């Protein structure tokens, strides 16, 4: 990761195109209004998913007057590179599938990593714990690293996530064996077909229902209040339905940033 001084220089030199910034701000504002309307006064975290978009776009929305705080990435390497270029005031969320061998460097190198939303094995939790413990030896950390246990509510083999009936076991491991991590809640992606159905009027997504029920069972088994475990569900196509079904945070990418380029064509930073 780039040194702090280099990161600050890159931030100062990074060019933000005014026209692009205006487009992004309008899209973010529209999504924020939709989130507020769907939440009916309840606090819901909006994560702007900047996957495969340049750091310039992130900076445009993080700067005043927009001051978007939470940004999500799907690839660990991309997150680490952007974190080295951008202000430390950003709260980064790792929302994509995460390989075990990427966990320790991610947790150790990105001090403003706010949450890892895709923990589905004890090995990944342990690796994140080792990384955060190593970072804590180098600098004071004001907060524990938040983690969400990813639950495969749809039963699809290609989807990551722990099975609902095994979720409590993993949550207990994080809570009792990982002192530098905070068990913040549960996350699911769900089946695309159910997301599309949920976007219709009065649609109910079975996967969102399953996550809420899993959360309630886990809280009971761990002897904690259900409200201590957040629900993370909902993306561009279904975030309003997810909020209506109790989601505490939503992950919105293309609706804010537009269509993504192919991974091979993506740039971490556009020309200065």
C-alpha atoms as a PDB file:
ATOM      1  CA  UNK A   1       0.000   0.000   0.000  1.00  0.00           C
ATOM      2  CA  UNK A   2       1.222   3.524  -0.726  1.00  0.00           C
ATOM      3  CA  UNK A   3       2.752   5.491   2.105  1.00  0.00           C
ATOM      4  CA  UNK A   4       0.567   8.158   3.731  1.00  0.00           C
ATOM      5  CA  UNK A   5       2.467  11.059   2.187  1.00  0.00           C
ATOM      6  CA  UNK A   6       2.248   9.565  -1.282  1.00  0.00           C
ATOM      7  CA  UNK A   7      -1.454   8.938  -0.791  1.00  0.00           C
ATOM      8  CA  UNK A   8      -2.017  12.571   0.170  1.00  0.00           C
ATOM      9  CA  UNK A   9      -0.095  13.771  -2.895  1.00  0.00           C
ATOM     10  CA  UNK A  10      -2.108  11.501  -5.181  1.00  0.00           C
ATOM     11  CA  UNK A  11      -5.304  12.794  -3.598  1.00  0.00           C
ATOM     12  CA  UNK A  12      -4.256  16.407  -4.175  1.00  0.00           C
ATOM     13  CA  UNK A  13      -3.251  15.732  -7.792  1.00  0.00           C
ATOM     14  CA  UNK A  14      -6.222  13.545  -8.655  1.00  0.00           C
ATOM     15  CA  UNK A  15      -8.389  15.241 -11.241  1.00  0.00           C
ATOM     16  CA  UNK A  16     -12.152  15.291 -10.694  1.00  0.00           C
ATOM     17  CA  UNK A  17     -14.027  16.111 -13.876  1.00  0.00           C
ATOM     18  CA  UNK A  18     -16.746  18.670 -13.000  1.00  0.00           C
ATOM     19  CA  UNK A  19     -19.271  17.248 -15.475  1.00  0.00           C
ATOM     20  CA  UNK A  20     -18.752  13.701 -14.232  1.00  0.00           C
ATOM     21  CA  UNK A  21     -18.928  14.897 -10.618  1.00  0.00           C
ATOM     22  CA  UNK A  22     -22.248  16.606 -11.313  1.00  0.00           C
ATOM     23  CA  UNK A  23     -23.697  13.450 -12.864  1.00  0.00           C
ATOM     24  CA  UNK A  24     -22.552  11.322  -9.941  1.00  0.00           C
ATOM     25  CA  UNK A  25     -23.924  13.802  -7.412  1.00  0.00           C
ATOM     26  CA  UNK A  26     -27.329  13.794  -9.095  1.00  0.00           C
ATOM     27  CA  UNK A  27     -27.454   9.993  -9.150  1.00  0.00           C
ATOM     28  CA  UNK A  28     -26.350   9.741  -5.522  1.00  0.00           C
ATOM     29  CA  UNK A  29     -28.935  12.327  -4.488  1.00  0.00           C
ATOM     30  CA  UNK A  30     -31.719  10.438  -6.238  1.00  0.00           C
ATOM     31  CA  UNK A  31     -30.752   7.158  -4.577  1.00  0.00           C
ATOM     32  CA  UNK A  32     -30.464   8.832  -1.183  1.00  0.00           C
ATOM     33  CA  UNK A  33     -33.971  10.255  -1.542  1.00  0.00           C
ATOM     34  CA  UNK A  34     -35.314   6.809  -2.469  1.00  0.00           C
ATOM     35  CA  UNK A  35     -33.580   5.293   0.549  1.00  0.00           C
ATOM     36  CA  UNK A  36     -35.053   7.940   2.842  1.00  0.00           C
ATOM     37  CA  UNK A  37     -38.549   7.419   1.449  1.00  0.00           C
ATOM     38  CA  UNK A  38     -38.351   3.631   1.774  1.00  0.00           C
ATOM     39  CA  UNK A  39     -36.900   3.778   5.293  1.00  0.00           C
ATOM     40  CA  UNK A  40     -39.713   5.984   6.618  1.00  0.00           C
ATOM     41  CA  UNK A  41     -37.439   7.735   9.088  1.00  0.00           C
ATOM     42  CA  UNK A  42     -35.396   4.683  10.059  1.00  0.00           C
ATOM     43  CA  UNK A  43     -31.613   5.015   9.726  1.00  0.00           C
ATOM     44  CA  UNK A  44     -30.332   2.987   6.758  1.00  0.00           C
ATOM     45  CA  UNK A  45     -26.684   2.995   5.646  1.00  0.00           C
ATOM     46  CA  UNK A  46     -26.091   3.604   1.949  1.00  0.00           C
ATOM     47  CA  UNK A  47     -22.960   1.963   0.572  1.00  0.00           C
ATOM     48  CA  UNK A  48     -21.897   3.351  -2.802  1.00  0.00           C
ATOM     49  CA  UNK A  49     -20.374   0.372  -4.618  1.00  0.00           C
ATOM     50  CA  UNK A  50     -17.449   1.685  -6.656  1.00  0.00           C
ATOM     51  CA  UNK A  51     -16.359  -1.681  -8.065  1.00  0.00           C
ATOM     52  CA  UNK A  52     -14.307  -1.235 -11.269  1.00  0.00           C
ATOM     53  CA  UNK A  53     -14.859   2.532 -11.181  1.00  0.00           C
ATOM     54  CA  UNK A  54     -11.875   4.901 -10.852  1.00  0.00           C
ATOM     55  CA  UNK A  55     -10.786   6.445  -7.576  1.00  0.00           C
ATOM     56  CA  UNK A  56     -11.634   9.834  -9.113  1.00  0.00           C
ATOM     57  CA  UNK A  57     -15.335   8.919  -8.938  1.00  0.00           C
ATOM     58  CA  UNK A  58     -15.029   8.013  -5.286  1.00  0.00           C
ATOM     59  CA  UNK A  59     -13.234  11.271  -4.498  1.00  0.00           C
ATOM     60  CA  UNK A  60     -15.906  13.270  -6.344  1.00  0.00           C
ATOM     61  CA  UNK A  61     -18.629  11.904  -4.039  1.00  0.00           C
ATOM     62  CA  UNK A  62     -16.573  11.881  -0.846  1.00  0.00           C
ATOM     63  CA  UNK A  63     -15.586  15.545  -1.144  1.00  0.00           C
ATOM     64  CA  UNK A  64     -17.847  18.273   0.162  1.00  0.00           C
ATOM     65  CA  UNK A  65     -20.633  19.097  -0.344  1.00  0.00           C
ATOM     66  CA  UNK A  66     -21.675  15.465  -0.975  1.00  0.00           C
ATOM     67  CA  UNK A  67     -19.500  13.867   1.731  1.00  0.00           C
ATOM     68  CA  UNK A  68     -20.527  10.283   0.978  1.00  0.00           C
ATOM     69  CA  UNK A  69     -18.841   8.239   3.696  1.00  0.00           C
ATOM     70  CA  UNK A  70     -19.346   4.560   2.865  1.00  0.00           C
ATOM     71  CA  UNK A  71     -17.927   2.922  -0.270  1.00  0.00           C
ATOM     72  CA  UNK A  72     -17.896  -0.752  -1.188  1.00  0.00           C
ATOM     73  CA  UNK A  73     -15.538  -2.844  -3.278  1.00  0.00           C
ATOM     74  CA  UNK A  74     -15.780  -6.418  -4.577  1.00  0.00           C
ATOM     75  CA  UNK A  75     -12.080  -7.132  -5.080  1.00  0.00           C
ATOM     76  CA  UNK A  76      -9.550  -6.976  -2.267  1.00  0.00           C
ATOM     77  CA  UNK A  77      -6.666  -5.764  -4.442  1.00  0.00           C
ATOM     78  CA  UNK A  78      -8.756  -2.978  -5.935  1.00  0.00           C
ATOM     79  CA  UNK A  79      -9.871  -1.868  -2.487  1.00  0.00           C
ATOM     80  CA  UNK A  80      -6.301  -1.793  -1.178  1.00  0.00           C
ATOM     81  CA  UNK A  81      -5.081   0.233  -4.154  1.00  0.00           C
ATOM     82  CA  UNK A  82      -7.891   2.781  -3.916  1.00  0.00           C
ATOM     83  CA  UNK A  83      -7.485   3.063  -0.150  1.00  0.00           C
ATOM     84  CA  UNK A  84      -3.849   4.020  -0.732  1.00  0.00           C
ATOM     85  CA  UNK A  85      -4.892   6.866  -3.034  1.00  0.00           C
ATOM     86  CA  UNK A  86      -7.920   8.286  -1.257  1.00  0.00           C
ATOM     87  CA  UNK A  87      -8.622  10.074   2.050  1.00  0.00           C
ATOM     88  CA  UNK A  88      -8.517   8.069   5.263  1.00  0.00           C
ATOM     89  CA  UNK A  89     -11.896   9.542   6.172  1.00  0.00           C
ATOM     90  CA  UNK A  90     -13.607   7.069   3.816  1.00  0.00           C
ATOM     91  CA  UNK A  91     -15.223   4.024   5.401  1.00  0.00           C
ATOM     92  CA  UNK A  92     -14.414   1.069   3.145  1.00  0.00           C
ATOM     93  CA  UNK A  93     -16.608  -2.017   2.942  1.00  0.00           C
ATOM     94  CA  UNK A  94     -15.325  -5.267   1.437  1.00  0.00           C
ATOM     95  CA  UNK A  95     -18.534  -6.701   0.004  1.00  0.00           C
ATOM     96  CA  UNK A  96     -17.332  -9.304  -2.506  1.00  0.00           C
ATOM     97  CA  UNK A  97     -16.274 -12.899  -2.107  1.00  0.00           C
ATOM     98  CA  UNK A  98     -12.972 -12.918  -0.263  1.00  0.00           C
ATOM     99  CA  UNK A  99     -10.262 -15.558  -0.494  1.00  0.00           C
ATOM    100  CA  UNK A 100      -8.796 -16.636   2.834  1.00  0.00           C
ATOM    101  CA  UNK A 101      -5.259 -15.632   1.822  1.00  0.00           C
ATOM    102  CA  UNK A 102      -6.443 -12.063   1.082  1.00  0.00           C
ATOM    103  CA  UNK A 103      -7.986 -11.539   4.517  1.00  0.00           C
ATOM    104  CA  UNK A 104      -4.890 -10.837   6.602  1.00  0.00           C
ATOM    105  CA  UNK A 105      -3.254  -8.302   4.221  1.00  0.00           C
ATOM    106  CA  UNK A 106      -6.557  -6.518   3.702  1.00  0.00           C
ATOM    107  CA  UNK A 107      -7.222  -6.153   7.422  1.00  0.00           C
ATOM    108  CA  UNK A 108      -3.619  -5.191   8.174  1.00  0.00           C
ATOM    109  CA  UNK A 109      -2.984  -2.732   5.342  1.00  0.00           C
ATOM    110  CA  UNK A 110      -6.235  -0.753   5.203  1.00  0.00           C
ATOM    111  CA  UNK A 111      -6.621   1.065   8.508  1.00  0.00           C
ATOM    112  CA  UNK A 112      -9.934   2.640   7.438  1.00  0.00           C
ATOM    113  CA  UNK A 113     -11.452  -0.694   6.459  1.00  0.00           C
ATOM    114  CA  UNK A 114     -14.802  -0.331   8.192  1.00  0.00           C
ATOM    115  CA  UNK A 115     -16.471  -3.642   7.492  1.00  0.00           C
ATOM    116  CA  UNK A 116     -15.979  -6.992   5.765  1.00  0.00           C
ATOM    117  CA  UNK A 117     -19.410  -8.120   4.638  1.00  0.00           C
ATOM    118  CA  UNK A 118     -18.580 -11.538   3.220  1.00  0.00           C
ATOM    119  CA  UNK A 119     -17.283 -13.700   6.068  1.00  0.00           C
ATOM    120  CA  UNK A 120     -18.512 -17.257   5.558  1.00  0.00           C
ATOM    121  CA  UNK A 121     -15.874 -19.424   7.255  1.00  0.00           C
ATOM    122  CA  UNK A 122     -14.053 -19.449  10.581  1.00  0.00           C
ATOM    123  CA  UNK A 123     -10.733 -19.499   8.678  1.00  0.00           C
ATOM    124  CA  UNK A 124     -11.543 -16.157   7.061  1.00  0.00           C
ATOM    125  CA  UNK A 125     -12.556 -14.688  10.390  1.00  0.00           C
ATOM    126  CA  UNK A 126      -9.300 -15.919  11.955  1.00  0.00           C
ATOM    127  CA  UNK A 127      -7.238 -14.440   9.113  1.00  0.00           C
ATOM    128  CA  UNK A 128      -8.978 -11.079   9.469  1.00  0.00           C
ATOM    129  CA  UNK A 129      -8.335 -11.254  13.212  1.00  0.00           C
ATOM    130  CA  UNK A 130      -4.605 -11.854  12.637  1.00  0.00           C
ATOM    131  CA  UNK A 131      -4.429  -8.923  10.231  1.00  0.00           C
ATOM    132  CA  UNK A 132      -6.197  -6.542  12.541  1.00  0.00           C
ATOM    133  CA  UNK A 133      -4.163  -7.673  15.528  1.00  0.00           C
ATOM    134  CA  UNK A 134      -0.972  -6.999  13.562  1.00  0.00           C
ATOM    135  CA  UNK A 135      -2.196  -3.516  12.636  1.00  0.00           C
ATOM    136  CA  UNK A 136      -3.151  -2.815  16.255  1.00  0.00           C
ATOM    137  CA  UNK A 137       0.487  -3.426  17.234  1.00  0.00           C
ATOM    138  CA  UNK A 138       1.575  -0.656  14.864  1.00  0.00           C
ATOM    139  CA  UNK A 139      -1.062   1.967  15.573  1.00  0.00           C
ATOM    140  CA  UNK A 140      -3.987   2.706  17.833  1.00  0.00           C
ATOM    141  CA  UNK A 141      -7.295   1.609  16.349  1.00  0.00           C
ATOM    142  CA  UNK A 142     -10.381   3.469  17.610  1.00  0.00           C
ATOM    143  CA  UNK A 143     -12.774   0.671  16.706  1.00  0.00           C
ATOM    144  CA  UNK A 144     -12.874  -3.036  16.040  1.00  0.00           C
ATOM    145  CA  UNK A 145     -13.227  -4.208  12.441  1.00  0.00           C
ATOM    146  CA  UNK A 146     -16.893  -4.870  11.792  1.00  0.00           C
ATOM    147  CA  UNK A 147     -17.747  -8.143  10.069  1.00  0.00           C
ATOM    148  CA  UNK A 148     -20.980  -9.469   8.633  1.00  0.00           C
ATOM    149  CA  UNK A 149     -21.524 -13.194   8.279  1.00  0.00           C
ATOM    150  CA  UNK A 150     -22.721 -13.939   4.761  1.00  0.00           C
ATOM    151  CA  UNK A 151     -25.663 -16.341   4.637  1.00  0.00           C
ATOM    152  CA  UNK A 152     -26.640 -18.322   1.549  1.00  0.00           C
ATOM    153  CA  UNK A 153     -30.389 -17.857   1.876  1.00  0.00           C
ATOM    154  CA  UNK A 154     -31.208 -18.981  -1.670  1.00  0.00           C
ATOM    155  CA  UNK A 155     -29.492 -22.377  -1.510  1.00  0.00           C
ATOM    156  CA  UNK A 156     -27.762 -21.763  -4.853  1.00  0.00           C
ATOM    157  CA  UNK A 157     -24.506 -23.686  -5.136  1.00  0.00           C
ATOM    158  CA  UNK A 158     -22.737 -20.859  -6.961  1.00  0.00           C
ATOM    159  CA  UNK A 159     -23.506 -18.385  -4.184  1.00  0.00           C
ATOM    160  CA  UNK A 160     -21.095 -17.836  -1.312  1.00  0.00           C
ATOM    161  CA  UNK A 161     -22.310 -17.929   2.249  1.00  0.00           C
ATOM    162  CA  UNK A 162     -22.844 -20.198   5.208  1.00  0.00           C
ATOM    163  CA  UNK A 163     -26.026 -22.247   5.433  1.00  0.00           C
ATOM    164  CA  UNK A 164     -28.707 -20.682   7.635  1.00  0.00           C
ATOM    165  CA  UNK A 165     -28.640 -23.513  10.188  1.00  0.00           C
ATOM    166  CA  UNK A 166     -24.867 -23.162  10.607  1.00  0.00           C
ATOM    167  CA  UNK A 167     -24.829 -19.392  10.935  1.00  0.00           C
ATOM    168  CA  UNK A 168     -25.004 -19.264  14.722  1.00  0.00           C
ATOM    169  CA  UNK A 169     -21.886 -21.420  15.032  1.00  0.00           C
ATOM    170  CA  UNK A 170     -19.837 -19.052  12.876  1.00  0.00           C
ATOM    171  CA  UNK A 171     -21.258 -15.991  14.620  1.00  0.00           C
ATOM    172  CA  UNK A 172     -20.296 -17.453  17.979  1.00  0.00           C
ATOM    173  CA  UNK A 173     -16.750 -18.064  16.728  1.00  0.00           C
ATOM    174  CA  UNK A 174     -16.386 -14.419  15.634  1.00  0.00           C
ATOM    175  CA  UNK A 175     -17.830 -13.154  18.891  1.00  0.00           C
ATOM    176  CA  UNK A 176     -15.772 -15.375  21.210  1.00  0.00           C
ATOM    177  CA  UNK A 177     -12.514 -16.077  19.321  1.00  0.00           C
ATOM    178  CA  UNK A 178     -11.805 -12.842  17.445  1.00  0.00           C
ATOM    179  CA  UNK A 179     -11.214  -9.966  19.915  1.00  0.00           C
ATOM    180  CA  UNK A 180     -10.268  -7.453  17.203  1.00  0.00           C
ATOM    181  CA  UNK A 181     -13.474  -8.088  15.247  1.00  0.00           C
ATOM    182  CA  UNK A 182     -17.026  -6.971  15.962  1.00  0.00           C
ATOM    183  CA  UNK A 183     -19.875  -9.220  14.924  1.00  0.00           C
ATOM    184  CA  UNK A 184     -22.056  -6.556  13.320  1.00  0.00           C
ATOM    185  CA  UNK A 185     -24.742  -8.665  11.664  1.00  0.00           C
ATOM    186  CA  UNK A 186     -25.685 -10.824   8.699  1.00  0.00           C
ATOM    187  CA  UNK A 187     -25.579 -10.284   4.939  1.00  0.00           C
ATOM    188  CA  UNK A 188     -27.179 -11.990   1.968  1.00  0.00           C
ATOM    189  CA  UNK A 189     -27.335 -11.486  -1.785  1.00  0.00           C
ATOM    190  CA  UNK A 190     -30.213 -13.802  -2.603  1.00  0.00           C
ATOM    191  CA  UNK A 191     -31.483 -15.127  -5.901  1.00  0.00           C
ATOM    192  CA  UNK A 192     -31.781 -12.703  -8.830  1.00  0.00           C
ATOM    193  CA  UNK A 193     -35.286 -13.918  -9.694  1.00  0.00           C
ATOM    194  CA  UNK A 194     -36.483 -13.239  -6.178  1.00  0.00           C
ATOM    195  CA  UNK A 195     -34.878  -9.803  -6.250  1.00  0.00           C
ATOM    196  CA  UNK A 196     -36.730  -8.994  -9.465  1.00  0.00           C
ATOM    197  CA  UNK A 197     -39.999 -10.208  -7.968  1.00  0.00           C
ATOM    198  CA  UNK A 198     -39.387  -8.153  -4.836  1.00  0.00           C
ATOM    199  CA  UNK A 199     -39.014  -4.990  -6.905  1.00  0.00           C
ATOM    200  CA  UNK A 200     -42.667  -5.192  -7.913  1.00  0.00           C
ATOM    201  CA  UNK A 201     -45.321  -3.523  -5.803  1.00  0.00           C
ATOM    202  CA  UNK A 202     -45.891  -5.403  -2.540  1.00  0.00           C
ATOM    203  CA  UNK A 203     -43.268  -7.983  -3.571  1.00  0.00           C
ATOM    204  CA  UNK A 204     -41.766 -10.027  -0.740  1.00  0.00           C
ATOM    205  CA  UNK A 205     -38.327 -11.520  -1.214  1.00  0.00           C
ATOM    206  CA  UNK A 206     -38.131 -14.952   0.428  1.00  0.00           C
ATOM    207  CA  UNK A 207     -34.366 -14.569   0.851  1.00  0.00           C
ATOM    208  CA  UNK A 208     -34.814 -11.371   2.835  1.00  0.00           C
ATOM    209  CA  UNK A 209     -37.376 -13.091   5.025  1.00  0.00           C
ATOM    210  CA  UNK A 210     -34.945 -15.991   5.537  1.00  0.00           C
ATOM    211  CA  UNK A 211     -32.132 -13.648   6.589  1.00  0.00           C
ATOM    212  CA  UNK A 212     -34.345 -11.888   9.103  1.00  0.00           C
ATOM    213  CA  UNK A 213     -35.478 -15.201  10.564  1.00  0.00           C
ATOM    214  CA  UNK A 214     -31.874 -16.440  10.692  1.00  0.00           C
ATOM    215  CA  UNK A 215     -30.845 -13.248  12.500  1.00  0.00           C
ATOM    216  CA  UNK A 216     -33.559 -13.775  15.096  1.00  0.00           C
ATOM    217  CA  UNK A 217     -32.473 -17.383  15.719  1.00  0.00           C
ATOM    218  CA  UNK A 218     -28.807 -16.422  15.986  1.00  0.00           C
ATOM    219  CA  UNK A 219     -29.572 -13.642  18.451  1.00  0.00           C
ATOM    220  CA  UNK A 220     -31.558 -16.053  20.586  1.00  0.00           C
ATOM    221  CA  UNK A 221     -28.786 -18.682  20.536  1.00  0.00           C
ATOM    222  CA  UNK A 222     -26.130 -16.101  21.410  1.00  0.00           C
ATOM    223  CA  UNK A 223     -28.278 -14.543  24.104  1.00  0.00           C
ATOM    224  CA  UNK A 224     -28.258 -11.056  22.609  1.00  0.00           C
ATOM    225  CA  UNK A 225     -30.939  -8.692  21.377  1.00  0.00           C
ATOM    226  CA  UNK A 226     -31.840  -9.041  17.696  1.00  0.00           C
ATOM    227  CA  UNK A 227     -31.254  -5.303  17.215  1.00  0.00           C
ATOM    228  CA  UNK A 228     -27.548  -5.856  17.953  1.00  0.00           C
ATOM    229  CA  UNK A 229     -27.236  -7.700  14.637  1.00  0.00           C
ATOM    230  CA  UNK A 230     -27.768  -5.589  11.529  1.00  0.00           C
ATOM    231  CA  UNK A 231     -29.235  -6.928   8.294  1.00  0.00           C
ATOM    232  CA  UNK A 232     -27.396  -6.133   5.071  1.00  0.00           C
ATOM    233  CA  UNK A 233     -29.496  -6.912   2.003  1.00  0.00           C
ATOM    234  CA  UNK A 234     -30.565  -5.095  -1.127  1.00  0.00           C
ATOM    235  CA  UNK A 235     -28.736  -3.802  -4.203  1.00  0.00           C
ATOM    236  CA  UNK A 236     -29.531  -1.525  -7.153  1.00  0.00           C
ATOM    237  CA  UNK A 237     -32.435  -3.644  -8.370  1.00  0.00           C
ATOM    238  CA  UNK A 238     -34.153  -4.287  -5.043  1.00  0.00           C
ATOM    239  CA  UNK A 239     -32.891  -1.978  -2.307  1.00  0.00           C
ATOM    240  CA  UNK A 240     -36.268  -0.391  -1.634  1.00  0.00           C
ATOM    241  CA  UNK A 241     -37.905  -3.787  -1.140  1.00  0.00           C
ATOM    242  CA  UNK A 242     -34.992  -4.796   1.114  1.00  0.00           C
ATOM    243  CA  UNK A 243     -35.450  -1.706   3.271  1.00  0.00           C
ATOM    244  CA  UNK A 244     -39.171  -2.418   3.527  1.00  0.00           C
ATOM    245  CA  UNK A 245     -38.268  -5.875   4.841  1.00  0.00           C
ATOM    246  CA  UNK A 246     -35.911  -4.538   7.507  1.00  0.00           C
ATOM    247  CA  UNK A 247     -32.512  -4.024   5.898  1.00  0.00           C
ATOM    248  CA  UNK A 248     -30.179  -1.742   7.847  1.00  0.00           C
ATOM    249  CA  UNK A 249     -27.854  -1.096   4.907  1.00  0.00           C
ATOM    250  CA  UNK A 250     -28.030  -1.340   1.113  1.00  0.00           C
ATOM    251  CA  UNK A 251     -25.314  -1.738  -1.497  1.00  0.00           C
ATOM    252  CA  UNK A 252     -25.939   0.368  -4.612  1.00  0.00           C
ATOM    253  CA  UNK A 253     -23.499   0.504  -7.520  1.00  0.00           C
ATOM    254  CA  UNK A 254     -24.712   0.891 -11.090  1.00  0.00           C
ATOM    255  CA  UNK A 255     -27.628   3.151 -10.134  1.00  0.00           C
ATOM    256  CA  UNK A 256     -25.056   5.643  -8.810  1.00  0.00           C
ATOM    257  CA  UNK A 257     -21.984   5.082 -10.975  1.00  0.00           C
ATOM    258  CA  UNK A 258     -23.505   3.722 -14.192  1.00  0.00           C
ATOM    259  CA  UNK A 259     -22.595   0.547 -16.042  1.00  0.00           C
ATOM    260  CA  UNK A 260     -19.220  -0.927 -15.146  1.00  0.00           C
ATOM    261  CA  UNK A 261     -16.457  -1.598 -17.669  1.00  0.00           C
ATOM    262  CA  UNK A 262     -15.060  -5.078 -18.199  1.00  0.00           C
ATOM    263  CA  UNK A 263     -12.589  -5.922 -15.455  1.00  0.00           C
ATOM    264  CA  UNK A 264      -9.687  -5.928 -17.935  1.00  0.00           C
ATOM    265  CA  UNK A 265     -10.554  -2.366 -19.006  1.00  0.00           C
ATOM    266  CA  UNK A 266     -11.037  -0.898 -15.532  1.00  0.00           C
ATOM    267  CA  UNK A 267      -8.692   1.854 -14.291  1.00  0.00           C
ATOM    268  CA  UNK A 268      -7.850   2.534 -10.666  1.00  0.00           C
ATOM    269  CA  UNK A 269      -7.283   6.205 -11.468  1.00  0.00           C
ATOM    270  CA  UNK A 270      -8.094   8.202 -14.599  1.00  0.00           C
ATOM    271  CA  UNK A 271      -5.574  10.562 -16.124  1.00  0.00           C
ATOM    272  CA  UNK A 272      -4.669  13.656 -14.131  1.00  0.00           C
END
